[in-house]
Amino acid sequence: MVEKNLDELKLSKHHLKAMFVSGMGFFTDAYDLFIIGVALSLIAPVWGLTSSEIAILGSSSLLAALFGSVFLVDLLTILAERKFMVLRLL
């Protein structure tokens, strides 16, 4: 029943806003993970990094993204809820 109602809804401003916000979230995550490769290729010769050091730096960015998406989401949700609750009270 609910699925049928959702399928029959017309595209609204809220749908476009949700698509934009989720798209920007994906863009910023993808940009962070893309730019680390570019930055490493520019920084490695200047700092004299070995290939194993470059690999550690590159993989640590992926592990940090995984850690943040798994463990810090709940903390940020709690902090954001508190902030908006205070704003609602004002």
N, C-alpha and C. Protein backbone atom coordinates (compact mmCIF):
# COMPACT_ATOMS: atom_id res chain seq x y z
N MET A 1 0.82 -1.20 0.00
CA MET A 1 0.00 0.00 0.00
C MET A 1 0.86 1.26 0.00
N VAL A 2 1.84 1.31 0.90
CA VAL A 2 2.70 2.49 0.99
C VAL A 2 3.53 2.64 -0.28
N GLU A 3 4.04 1.53 -0.79
CA GLU A 3 4.86 1.59 -1.99
C GLU A 3 4.07 2.12 -3.18
N LYS A 4 2.81 1.73 -3.26
CA LYS A 4 1.97 2.19 -4.36
C LYS A 4 1.76 3.70 -4.29
N ASN A 5 1.52 4.20 -3.07
CA ASN A 5 1.35 5.65 -2.89
C ASN A 5 2.63 6.41 -3.23
N LEU A 6 3.77 5.85 -2.83
CA LEU A 6 5.04 6.51 -3.14
C LEU A 6 5.32 6.50 -4.64
N ASP A 7 4.97 5.43 -5.30
CA ASP A 7 5.19 5.36 -6.75
C ASP A 7 4.32 6.35 -7.51
N GLU A 8 3.18 6.69 -6.97
CA GLU A 8 2.25 7.57 -7.67
C GLU A 8 2.46 9.06 -7.35
N LEU A 9 3.38 9.36 -6.43
CA LEU A 9 3.63 10.76 -6.08
C LEU A 9 4.31 11.49 -7.24
N LYS A 10 3.97 12.75 -7.38
CA LYS A 10 4.63 13.58 -8.39
C LYS A 10 5.91 14.17 -7.80
N LEU A 11 6.84 14.49 -8.68
CA LEU A 11 8.11 15.07 -8.27
C LEU A 11 7.86 16.45 -7.68
N SER A 12 8.38 16.68 -6.47
CA SER A 12 8.15 17.95 -5.81
C SER A 12 9.49 18.61 -5.44
N LYS A 13 9.39 19.78 -4.84
CA LYS A 13 10.58 20.52 -4.40
C LYS A 13 11.35 19.72 -3.35
N HIS A 14 10.63 19.00 -2.52
CA HIS A 14 11.29 18.21 -1.47
C HIS A 14 12.09 17.04 -2.06
N HIS A 15 11.59 16.44 -3.13
CA HIS A 15 12.34 15.39 -3.79
C HIS A 15 13.64 15.93 -4.37
N LEU A 16 13.55 17.08 -5.02
CA LEU A 16 14.75 17.69 -5.61
C LEU A 16 15.75 18.08 -4.54
N LYS A 17 15.27 18.58 -3.42
CA LYS A 17 16.15 18.95 -2.32
C LYS A 17 16.85 17.72 -1.75
N ALA A 18 16.12 16.63 -1.57
CA ALA A 18 16.72 15.39 -1.07
C ALA A 18 17.75 14.84 -2.04
N MET A 19 17.46 14.91 -3.33
CA MET A 19 18.43 14.44 -4.33
C MET A 19 19.68 15.31 -4.32
N PHE A 20 19.52 16.61 -4.17
CA PHE A 20 20.67 17.50 -4.16
C PHE A 20 21.54 17.27 -2.93
N VAL A 21 20.91 17.14 -1.76
CA VAL A 21 21.66 16.95 -0.52
C VAL A 21 22.41 15.62 -0.54
N SER A 22 21.74 14.56 -0.97
CA SER A 22 22.42 13.26 -1.02
C SER A 22 23.52 13.27 -2.08
N GLY A 23 23.30 13.94 -3.17
CA GLY A 23 24.34 14.05 -4.20
C GLY A 23 25.55 14.82 -3.73
N MET A 24 25.33 15.88 -2.97
CA MET A 24 26.46 16.64 -2.44
C MET A 24 27.23 15.84 -1.39
N GLY A 25 26.52 15.03 -0.62
CA GLY A 25 27.21 14.16 0.34
C GLY A 25 28.11 13.16 -0.37
N PHE A 26 27.59 12.57 -1.43
CA PHE A 26 28.41 11.63 -2.21
C PHE A 26 29.58 12.36 -2.87
N PHE A 27 29.34 13.56 -3.39
CA PHE A 27 30.40 14.32 -4.05
C PHE A 27 31.54 14.63 -3.09
N THR A 28 31.21 15.08 -1.88
CA THR A 28 32.28 15.44 -0.94
C THR A 28 33.06 14.20 -0.49
N ASP A 29 32.38 13.07 -0.28
CA ASP A 29 33.10 11.84 0.08
C ASP A 29 34.00 11.39 -1.05
N ALA A 30 33.47 11.39 -2.25
CA ALA A 30 34.26 10.94 -3.40
C ALA A 30 35.43 11.89 -3.66
N TYR A 31 35.22 13.18 -3.48
CA TYR A 31 36.30 14.14 -3.71
C TYR A 31 37.42 13.94 -2.70
N ASP A 32 37.09 13.72 -1.45
CA ASP A 32 38.11 13.47 -0.43
C ASP A 32 38.97 12.27 -0.79
N LEU A 33 38.32 11.20 -1.21
CA LEU A 33 39.06 9.98 -1.51
C LEU A 33 39.82 10.11 -2.83
N PHE A 34 39.35 10.93 -3.75
CA PHE A 34 40.06 11.14 -5.01
C PHE A 34 41.28 12.03 -4.81
N ILE A 35 41.13 13.08 -4.05
CA ILE A 35 42.19 14.09 -3.95
C ILE A 35 43.41 13.57 -3.18
N ILE A 36 43.23 12.55 -2.34
CA ILE A 36 44.38 12.01 -1.62
C ILE A 36 45.40 11.41 -2.58
N GLY A 37 44.93 10.81 -3.67
CA GLY A 37 45.85 10.27 -4.66
C GLY A 37 46.62 11.35 -5.39
N VAL A 38 45.93 12.43 -5.71
CA VAL A 38 46.59 13.55 -6.39
C VAL A 38 47.59 14.21 -5.44
N ALA A 39 47.17 14.41 -4.20
CA ALA A 39 48.06 15.05 -3.23
C ALA A 39 49.29 14.19 -2.96
N LEU A 40 49.10 12.89 -2.85
CA LEU A 40 50.24 12.01 -2.62
C LEU A 40 51.22 12.02 -3.78
N SER A 41 50.71 12.08 -4.99
CA SER A 41 51.63 12.10 -6.14
C SER A 41 52.43 13.40 -6.20
N LEU A 42 51.87 14.48 -5.68
CA LEU A 42 52.60 15.75 -5.66
C LEU A 42 53.53 15.88 -4.45
N ILE A 43 53.12 15.32 -3.32
CA ILE A 43 53.88 15.47 -2.08
C ILE A 43 55.00 14.44 -1.96
N ALA A 44 54.81 13.26 -2.50
CA ALA A 44 55.78 12.17 -2.33
C ALA A 44 57.19 12.54 -2.76
N PRO A 45 57.40 13.15 -3.93
CA PRO A 45 58.78 13.51 -4.30
C PRO A 45 59.38 14.59 -3.40
N VAL A 46 58.55 15.52 -2.95
CA VAL A 46 59.05 16.61 -2.10
C VAL A 46 59.47 16.09 -0.74
N TRP A 47 58.67 15.20 -0.19
CA TRP A 47 58.98 14.65 1.13
C TRP A 47 59.90 13.44 1.08
N GLY A 48 60.14 12.93 -0.11
CA GLY A 48 61.00 11.75 -0.26
C GLY A 48 60.37 10.49 0.32
N LEU A 49 59.09 10.30 0.08
CA LEU A 49 58.39 9.14 0.63
C LEU A 49 58.69 7.88 -0.17
N THR A 50 58.80 6.78 0.54
CA THR A 50 58.96 5.49 -0.12
C THR A 50 57.59 4.98 -0.56
N SER A 51 57.59 3.93 -1.36
CA SER A 51 56.32 3.40 -1.85
C SER A 51 55.49 2.81 -0.71
N SER A 52 56.13 2.25 0.30
CA SER A 52 55.37 1.71 1.43
C SER A 52 54.76 2.85 2.26
N GLU A 53 55.44 3.96 2.39
CA GLU A 53 54.88 5.11 3.12
C GLU A 53 53.69 5.71 2.36
N ILE A 54 53.80 5.76 1.04
CA ILE A 54 52.69 6.25 0.23
C ILE A 54 51.49 5.32 0.37
N ALA A 55 51.75 4.02 0.38
CA ALA A 55 50.66 3.05 0.53
C ALA A 55 49.99 3.18 1.89
N ILE A 56 50.77 3.41 2.93
CA ILE A 56 50.20 3.58 4.28
C ILE A 56 49.36 4.83 4.35
N LEU A 57 49.84 5.93 3.77
CA LEU A 57 49.06 7.17 3.78
C LEU A 57 47.77 7.03 2.98
N GLY A 58 47.85 6.40 1.82
CA GLY A 58 46.66 6.22 0.99
C GLY A 58 45.64 5.31 1.64
N SER A 59 46.09 4.21 2.21
CA SER A 59 45.14 3.28 2.85
C SER A 59 44.60 3.84 4.15
N SER A 60 45.38 4.68 4.83
CA SER A 60 44.86 5.28 6.07
C SER A 60 43.71 6.24 5.79
N SER A 61 43.72 6.87 4.62
CA SER A 61 42.59 7.74 4.29
C SER A 61 41.32 6.93 4.07
N LEU A 62 41.45 5.75 3.47
CA LEU A 62 40.29 4.87 3.29
C LEU A 62 39.80 4.34 4.63
N LEU A 63 40.73 3.97 5.50
CA LEU A 63 40.34 3.48 6.83
C LEU A 63 39.70 4.58 7.66
N ALA A 64 40.19 5.80 7.53
CA ALA A 64 39.58 6.92 8.25
C ALA A 64 38.17 7.20 7.75
N ALA A 65 37.94 7.09 6.45
CA ALA A 65 36.60 7.28 5.90
C ALA A 65 35.67 6.18 6.41
N LEU A 66 36.14 4.96 6.46
CA LEU A 66 35.34 3.85 6.98
C LEU A 66 35.04 4.06 8.46
N PHE A 67 36.05 4.42 9.24
CA PHE A 67 35.86 4.66 10.67
C PHE A 67 34.84 5.77 10.91
N GLY A 68 34.96 6.86 10.17
CA GLY A 68 34.05 7.98 10.34
C GLY A 68 32.63 7.63 9.96
N SER A 69 32.47 6.88 8.88
CA SER A 69 31.11 6.55 8.45
C SER A 69 30.46 5.51 9.36
N VAL A 70 31.24 4.67 9.99
CA VAL A 70 30.65 3.63 10.85
C VAL A 70 30.46 4.13 12.28
N PHE A 71 31.48 4.77 12.85
CA PHE A 71 31.45 5.08 14.27
C PHE A 71 31.06 6.51 14.62
N LEU A 72 31.37 7.46 13.77
CA LEU A 72 31.12 8.86 14.12
C LEU A 72 29.75 9.36 13.70
N VAL A 73 29.04 8.60 12.89
CA VAL A 73 27.72 9.02 12.43
C VAL A 73 26.76 9.18 13.61
N ASP A 74 26.77 8.24 14.53
CA ASP A 74 25.88 8.33 15.69
C ASP A 74 26.20 9.54 16.55
N LEU A 75 27.49 9.81 16.75
CA LEU A 75 27.88 10.97 17.55
C LEU A 75 27.45 12.27 16.88
N LEU A 76 27.66 12.38 15.60
CA LEU A 76 27.25 13.59 14.88
C LEU A 76 25.74 13.75 14.86
N THR A 77 25.03 12.66 14.78
CA THR A 77 23.57 12.73 14.82
C THR A 77 23.10 13.26 16.17
N ILE A 78 23.70 12.79 17.24
CA ILE A 78 23.33 13.26 18.58
C ILE A 78 23.65 14.74 18.73
N LEU A 79 24.83 15.15 18.28
CA LEU A 79 25.21 16.56 18.40
C LEU A 79 24.32 17.46 17.55
N ALA A 80 23.99 17.01 16.36
CA ALA A 80 23.14 17.81 15.49
C ALA A 80 21.73 17.91 16.06
N GLU A 81 21.23 16.82 16.64
CA GLU A 81 19.89 16.85 17.23
C GLU A 81 19.85 17.83 18.39
N ARG A 82 20.89 17.85 19.21
CA ARG A 82 20.93 18.80 20.33
C ARG A 82 20.92 20.24 19.84
N LYS A 83 21.71 20.50 18.81
CA LYS A 83 21.78 21.85 18.27
C LYS A 83 20.43 22.30 17.75
N PHE A 84 19.76 21.44 17.01
CA PHE A 84 18.46 21.82 16.46
C PHE A 84 17.39 21.88 17.54
N MET A 85 17.52 21.08 18.57
CA MET A 85 16.57 21.16 19.69
C MET A 85 16.70 22.51 20.40
N VAL A 86 17.92 22.97 20.58
CA VAL A 86 18.14 24.27 21.21
C VAL A 86 17.58 25.38 20.32
N LEU A 87 17.81 25.28 19.02
CA LEU A 87 17.28 26.29 18.10
C LEU A 87 15.76 26.31 18.11
N ARG A 88 15.14 25.16 18.25
CA ARG A 88 13.68 25.10 18.30
C ARG A 88 13.15 25.78 19.56
N LEU A 89 13.89 25.65 20.66
CA LEU A 89 13.45 26.26 21.91
C LEU A 89 13.54 27.77 21.87
N LEU A 90 14.48 28.29 21.09
CA LEU A 90 14.62 29.75 20.98
C LEU A 90 13.51 30.27 20.14
